[in-house]
N, C-alpha and C. Protein backbone atom coordinates (compact mmCIF):
# COMPACT_ATOMS: atom_id res chain seq x y z
N MET A 1 0.83 -1.20 0.00
CA MET A 1 0.00 0.00 0.00
C MET A 1 0.87 1.26 0.00
N GLU A 2 2.12 1.10 0.43
CA GLU A 2 3.04 2.24 0.43
C GLU A 2 3.22 2.80 -0.98
N GLU A 3 3.32 1.89 -1.94
CA GLU A 3 3.49 2.31 -3.34
C GLU A 3 2.28 3.11 -3.80
N LYS A 4 1.08 2.66 -3.41
CA LYS A 4 -0.15 3.38 -3.77
C LYS A 4 -0.19 4.76 -3.12
N MET A 5 0.27 4.83 -1.86
CA MET A 5 0.30 6.12 -1.15
C MET A 5 1.25 7.11 -1.82
N SER A 6 2.43 6.65 -2.20
CA SER A 6 3.39 7.56 -2.82
C SER A 6 2.91 8.01 -4.20
N LYS A 7 2.25 7.10 -4.93
CA LYS A 7 1.70 7.47 -6.24
C LYS A 7 0.55 8.47 -6.06
N LEU A 8 -0.27 8.27 -5.03
CA LEU A 8 -1.37 9.19 -4.75
C LEU A 8 -0.83 10.58 -4.42
N LYS A 9 0.23 10.61 -3.62
CA LYS A 9 0.84 11.89 -3.26
C LYS A 9 1.32 12.62 -4.52
N GLU A 10 1.91 11.87 -5.42
CA GLU A 10 2.37 12.42 -6.69
C GLU A 10 1.19 12.96 -7.49
N TYR A 11 0.12 12.19 -7.56
CA TYR A 11 -1.07 12.63 -8.30
C TYR A 11 -1.68 13.89 -7.69
N LEU A 12 -1.73 13.97 -6.37
CA LEU A 12 -2.34 15.11 -5.71
C LEU A 12 -1.56 16.40 -5.93
N GLN A 13 -0.29 16.28 -6.28
CA GLN A 13 0.53 17.47 -6.51
C GLN A 13 0.53 17.92 -7.97
N MET A 14 -0.17 17.17 -8.82
CA MET A 14 -0.21 17.51 -10.24
C MET A 14 -1.05 18.76 -10.48
N GLU A 15 -0.66 19.51 -11.47
CA GLU A 15 -1.41 20.71 -11.85
C GLU A 15 -2.56 20.38 -12.80
N THR A 16 -2.41 19.30 -13.56
CA THR A 16 -3.43 18.92 -14.53
C THR A 16 -4.19 17.69 -14.04
N GLU A 17 -5.33 17.46 -14.64
CA GLU A 17 -6.14 16.31 -14.27
C GLU A 17 -5.56 15.04 -14.89
N LEU A 18 -5.57 13.99 -14.12
CA LEU A 18 -5.07 12.70 -14.56
C LEU A 18 -5.95 12.17 -15.71
N PRO A 19 -5.34 11.69 -16.79
CA PRO A 19 -6.14 11.12 -17.89
C PRO A 19 -6.96 9.92 -17.40
N PHE A 20 -8.09 9.69 -18.04
CA PHE A 20 -9.01 8.62 -17.64
C PHE A 20 -8.30 7.27 -17.54
N GLU A 21 -7.52 6.92 -18.55
CA GLU A 21 -6.88 5.60 -18.56
C GLU A 21 -5.93 5.41 -17.38
N GLU A 22 -5.18 6.44 -17.04
CA GLU A 22 -4.26 6.33 -15.91
C GLU A 22 -5.04 6.26 -14.58
N PHE A 23 -6.10 7.04 -14.48
CA PHE A 23 -6.96 7.00 -13.30
C PHE A 23 -7.55 5.59 -13.14
N LYS A 24 -8.05 5.04 -14.24
CA LYS A 24 -8.66 3.71 -14.23
C LYS A 24 -7.62 2.65 -13.86
N GLU A 25 -6.41 2.79 -14.37
CA GLU A 25 -5.34 1.84 -14.06
C GLU A 25 -5.00 1.87 -12.57
N TYR A 26 -4.89 3.07 -12.00
CA TYR A 26 -4.60 3.21 -10.57
C TYR A 26 -5.73 2.60 -9.74
N TYR A 27 -6.96 2.93 -10.11
CA TYR A 27 -8.14 2.38 -9.43
C TYR A 27 -8.15 0.86 -9.50
N SER A 28 -7.93 0.31 -10.68
CA SER A 28 -7.96 -1.15 -10.87
C SER A 28 -6.90 -1.85 -10.03
N SER A 29 -5.70 -1.28 -9.99
CA SER A 29 -4.64 -1.91 -9.21
C SER A 29 -4.94 -1.81 -7.71
N LEU A 30 -5.60 -0.73 -7.29
CA LEU A 30 -6.02 -0.58 -5.89
C LEU A 30 -7.05 -1.66 -5.54
N MET A 31 -8.04 -1.84 -6.40
CA MET A 31 -9.08 -2.85 -6.15
C MET A 31 -8.47 -4.25 -6.12
N GLU A 32 -7.56 -4.50 -7.04
CA GLU A 32 -6.90 -5.80 -7.09
C GLU A 32 -6.12 -6.07 -5.79
N GLN A 33 -5.41 -5.07 -5.33
CA GLN A 33 -4.63 -5.21 -4.10
C GLN A 33 -5.54 -5.42 -2.89
N LEU A 34 -6.62 -4.67 -2.81
CA LEU A 34 -7.55 -4.83 -1.70
C LEU A 34 -8.18 -6.23 -1.72
N ASN A 35 -8.57 -6.68 -2.88
CA ASN A 35 -9.17 -8.01 -3.00
C ASN A 35 -8.22 -9.12 -2.59
N SER A 36 -6.95 -8.97 -2.89
CA SER A 36 -6.00 -10.05 -2.61
C SER A 36 -5.35 -9.96 -1.23
N GLU A 37 -5.22 -8.74 -0.68
CA GLU A 37 -4.46 -8.58 0.56
C GLU A 37 -5.27 -8.15 1.78
N TYR A 38 -6.54 -7.86 1.61
CA TYR A 38 -7.35 -7.28 2.69
C TYR A 38 -7.30 -8.09 3.98
N ASN A 39 -7.45 -9.39 3.88
CA ASN A 39 -7.50 -10.23 5.08
C ASN A 39 -6.19 -10.24 5.87
N GLU A 40 -5.07 -9.98 5.21
CA GLU A 40 -3.77 -9.99 5.88
C GLU A 40 -3.31 -8.59 6.31
N MET A 41 -4.06 -7.56 5.97
CA MET A 41 -3.63 -6.19 6.25
C MET A 41 -3.69 -5.88 7.74
N ASP A 42 -2.65 -5.17 8.23
CA ASP A 42 -2.66 -4.72 9.62
C ASP A 42 -3.43 -3.40 9.71
N GLN A 43 -3.62 -2.91 10.93
CA GLN A 43 -4.42 -1.71 11.14
C GLN A 43 -3.88 -0.47 10.41
N PRO A 44 -2.56 -0.18 10.48
CA PRO A 44 -2.06 0.99 9.75
C PRO A 44 -2.28 0.88 8.24
N THR A 45 -2.15 -0.32 7.70
CA THR A 45 -2.37 -0.52 6.26
C THR A 45 -3.85 -0.35 5.93
N CYS A 46 -4.72 -0.81 6.81
CA CYS A 46 -6.16 -0.60 6.61
C CYS A 46 -6.48 0.89 6.58
N LEU A 47 -5.89 1.64 7.48
CA LEU A 47 -6.13 3.08 7.54
C LEU A 47 -5.63 3.77 6.27
N LYS A 48 -4.46 3.40 5.79
CA LYS A 48 -3.94 3.97 4.55
C LYS A 48 -4.84 3.61 3.38
N SER A 49 -5.30 2.36 3.34
CA SER A 49 -6.18 1.92 2.27
C SER A 49 -7.48 2.70 2.27
N ARG A 50 -8.00 2.94 3.47
CA ARG A 50 -9.24 3.70 3.57
C ARG A 50 -9.04 5.13 3.09
N PHE A 51 -7.91 5.72 3.44
CA PHE A 51 -7.60 7.08 2.99
C PHE A 51 -7.53 7.13 1.47
N ILE A 52 -6.82 6.19 0.88
CA ILE A 52 -6.69 6.15 -0.59
C ILE A 52 -8.07 5.99 -1.23
N CYS A 53 -8.88 5.09 -0.69
CA CYS A 53 -10.24 4.89 -1.22
C CYS A 53 -11.06 6.17 -1.14
N SER A 54 -10.90 6.92 -0.05
CA SER A 54 -11.68 8.15 0.10
C SER A 54 -11.28 9.19 -0.95
N ILE A 55 -10.00 9.28 -1.25
CA ILE A 55 -9.52 10.24 -2.26
C ILE A 55 -9.99 9.81 -3.65
N VAL A 56 -9.82 8.54 -3.96
CA VAL A 56 -10.23 8.04 -5.28
C VAL A 56 -11.75 8.19 -5.44
N LYS A 57 -12.51 7.87 -4.39
CA LYS A 57 -13.97 8.01 -4.42
C LYS A 57 -14.37 9.46 -4.69
N SER A 58 -13.77 10.37 -3.96
CA SER A 58 -14.08 11.78 -4.12
C SER A 58 -13.78 12.27 -5.54
N ASN A 59 -12.63 11.88 -6.05
CA ASN A 59 -12.25 12.28 -7.41
C ASN A 59 -13.17 11.65 -8.45
N ALA A 60 -13.49 10.39 -8.27
CA ALA A 60 -14.37 9.71 -9.22
C ALA A 60 -15.76 10.34 -9.24
N GLU A 61 -16.28 10.68 -8.05
CA GLU A 61 -17.60 11.33 -7.98
C GLU A 61 -17.57 12.66 -8.70
N SER A 62 -16.53 13.43 -8.45
CA SER A 62 -16.41 14.74 -9.10
C SER A 62 -16.33 14.60 -10.62
N ARG A 63 -15.53 13.66 -11.07
CA ARG A 63 -15.37 13.45 -12.51
C ARG A 63 -16.62 12.89 -13.16
N SER A 64 -17.41 12.14 -12.42
CA SER A 64 -18.63 11.55 -12.99
C SER A 64 -19.61 12.64 -13.44
N HIS A 65 -19.58 13.78 -12.76
CA HIS A 65 -20.47 14.88 -13.11
C HIS A 65 -19.94 15.71 -14.28
N LYS A 66 -18.61 15.75 -14.42
CA LYS A 66 -17.98 16.58 -15.45
C LYS A 66 -17.75 15.83 -16.76
N ASN A 67 -17.60 14.52 -16.68
CA ASN A 67 -17.19 13.75 -17.84
C ASN A 67 -18.35 12.89 -18.34
N LYS A 68 -18.98 13.33 -19.42
CA LYS A 68 -20.15 12.62 -19.96
C LYS A 68 -19.76 11.26 -20.54
N ILE A 69 -18.62 11.19 -21.20
CA ILE A 69 -18.20 9.95 -21.86
C ILE A 69 -17.92 8.84 -20.85
N ASN A 70 -17.19 9.15 -19.80
CA ASN A 70 -16.81 8.14 -18.81
C ASN A 70 -17.55 8.28 -17.49
N GLY A 71 -18.61 9.05 -17.47
CA GLY A 71 -19.36 9.29 -16.24
C GLY A 71 -19.83 8.04 -15.54
N LYS A 72 -20.34 7.09 -16.31
CA LYS A 72 -20.85 5.85 -15.73
C LYS A 72 -19.71 5.05 -15.08
N ALA A 73 -18.56 5.01 -15.73
CA ALA A 73 -17.40 4.29 -15.19
C ALA A 73 -16.93 4.95 -13.90
N PHE A 74 -16.91 6.28 -13.87
CA PHE A 74 -16.49 6.99 -12.67
C PHE A 74 -17.47 6.73 -11.51
N LYS A 75 -18.76 6.68 -11.81
CA LYS A 75 -19.75 6.40 -10.76
C LYS A 75 -19.53 5.00 -10.18
N LYS A 76 -19.22 4.06 -11.03
CA LYS A 76 -18.97 2.69 -10.58
C LYS A 76 -17.72 2.63 -9.70
N MET A 77 -16.68 3.37 -10.10
CA MET A 77 -15.45 3.43 -9.31
C MET A 77 -15.73 4.03 -7.94
N ALA A 78 -16.49 5.11 -7.91
CA ALA A 78 -16.82 5.77 -6.65
C ALA A 78 -17.60 4.83 -5.74
N SER A 79 -18.52 4.09 -6.33
CA SER A 79 -19.33 3.15 -5.57
C SER A 79 -18.48 2.04 -4.95
N LYS A 80 -17.57 1.48 -5.72
CA LYS A 80 -16.69 0.42 -5.22
C LYS A 80 -15.78 0.94 -4.12
N CYS A 81 -15.27 2.15 -4.28
CA CYS A 81 -14.41 2.73 -3.23
C CYS A 81 -15.22 2.96 -1.96
N GLY A 82 -16.47 3.38 -2.12
CA GLY A 82 -17.36 3.56 -0.97
C GLY A 82 -17.59 2.24 -0.25
N PHE A 83 -17.77 1.17 -1.02
CA PHE A 83 -17.92 -0.15 -0.42
C PHE A 83 -16.70 -0.52 0.41
N TRP A 84 -15.51 -0.31 -0.14
CA TRP A 84 -14.29 -0.65 0.59
C TRP A 84 -14.11 0.22 1.84
N MET A 85 -14.49 1.48 1.75
CA MET A 85 -14.41 2.35 2.93
C MET A 85 -15.29 1.80 4.04
N GLU A 86 -16.50 1.39 3.70
CA GLU A 86 -17.43 0.83 4.69
C GLU A 86 -16.88 -0.48 5.27
N ALA A 87 -16.32 -1.33 4.41
CA ALA A 87 -15.77 -2.60 4.88
C ALA A 87 -14.60 -2.38 5.83
N ILE A 88 -13.75 -1.43 5.48
CA ILE A 88 -12.59 -1.13 6.33
C ILE A 88 -13.06 -0.52 7.65
N ASP A 89 -14.03 0.40 7.59
CA ASP A 89 -14.57 0.98 8.82
C ASP A 89 -15.14 -0.12 9.73
N TYR A 90 -15.89 -1.03 9.14
CA TYR A 90 -16.49 -2.12 9.91
C TYR A 90 -15.40 -2.94 10.61
N ARG A 91 -14.38 -3.28 9.86
CA ARG A 91 -13.27 -4.07 10.42
C ARG A 91 -12.56 -3.31 11.54
N LEU A 92 -12.27 -2.04 11.30
CA LEU A 92 -11.55 -1.24 12.30
C LEU A 92 -12.39 -1.08 13.58
N LYS A 93 -13.68 -0.92 13.42
CA LYS A 93 -14.56 -0.81 14.59
C LYS A 93 -14.60 -2.14 15.35
N LYS A 94 -14.58 -3.24 14.61
CA LYS A 94 -14.56 -4.56 15.22
C LYS A 94 -13.26 -4.75 16.02
N GLU A 95 -12.19 -4.09 15.57
CA GLU A 95 -10.90 -4.17 16.25
C GLU A 95 -10.78 -3.15 17.38
N GLY A 96 -11.85 -2.38 17.63
CA GLY A 96 -11.86 -1.49 18.78
C GLY A 96 -11.76 0.00 18.51
N LEU A 97 -11.62 0.41 17.25
CA LEU A 97 -11.56 1.84 16.95
C LEU A 97 -12.96 2.41 16.86
N THR A 98 -13.11 3.65 17.24
CA THR A 98 -14.39 4.34 17.08
C THR A 98 -14.36 5.09 15.75
N GLN A 99 -15.53 5.51 15.28
CA GLN A 99 -15.59 6.27 14.04
C GLN A 99 -14.81 7.58 14.19
N ALA A 100 -14.89 8.19 15.37
CA ALA A 100 -14.14 9.43 15.63
C ALA A 100 -12.63 9.20 15.51
N LYS A 101 -12.15 8.06 16.03
CA LYS A 101 -10.73 7.74 15.95
C LYS A 101 -10.32 7.48 14.50
N ILE A 102 -11.18 6.82 13.75
CA ILE A 102 -10.90 6.57 12.33
C ILE A 102 -10.79 7.90 11.59
N GLU A 103 -11.72 8.81 11.85
CA GLU A 103 -11.70 10.13 11.20
C GLU A 103 -10.44 10.91 11.60
N LEU A 104 -10.04 10.80 12.86
CA LEU A 104 -8.82 11.45 13.33
C LEU A 104 -7.61 10.92 12.58
N GLU A 105 -7.54 9.61 12.42
CA GLU A 105 -6.44 8.98 11.68
C GLU A 105 -6.43 9.46 10.23
N MET A 106 -7.63 9.58 9.61
CA MET A 106 -7.72 10.06 8.23
C MET A 106 -7.18 11.50 8.14
N SER A 107 -7.52 12.29 9.13
CA SER A 107 -7.05 13.67 9.17
C SER A 107 -5.53 13.74 9.31
N GLU A 108 -4.97 12.87 10.14
CA GLU A 108 -3.53 12.84 10.32
C GLU A 108 -2.80 12.41 9.04
N ILE A 109 -3.34 11.41 8.36
CA ILE A 109 -2.75 10.98 7.09
C ILE A 109 -2.82 12.12 6.09
N ASN A 110 -3.97 12.80 6.04
CA ASN A 110 -4.14 13.92 5.13
C ASN A 110 -3.13 15.03 5.40
N ASN A 111 -2.89 15.31 6.66
CA ASN A 111 -1.92 16.35 7.03
C ASN A 111 -0.51 15.99 6.61
N LYS A 112 -0.18 14.70 6.61
CA LYS A 112 1.15 14.24 6.21
C LYS A 112 1.33 14.31 4.70
N MET A 113 0.21 14.30 3.98
CA MET A 113 0.27 14.34 2.51
C MET A 113 0.64 15.75 2.06
């Protein structure tokens, strides 16, 4: 997930919007990694994954309204990221974190970015 975080940081510093294909590629590799590694992820990795999903979800939602050609694909990406955010929240709460603590952790990761 570290690789995804560093790539996200790079993307967030860009002046131009990421092309659809590159956005889709990043999203697909994120989904693939979550599907294959989720059960083995530790708490810090879960928190990073949730942060990445929140950024990708937000961007996909925004682009779905602006981009008529790929709007449907962006909506689907946003929906899947939302699903993963909920799954990660559920797991973290099961491990003893509160929603407030999860939000605090998201804020701390955001500040480091």
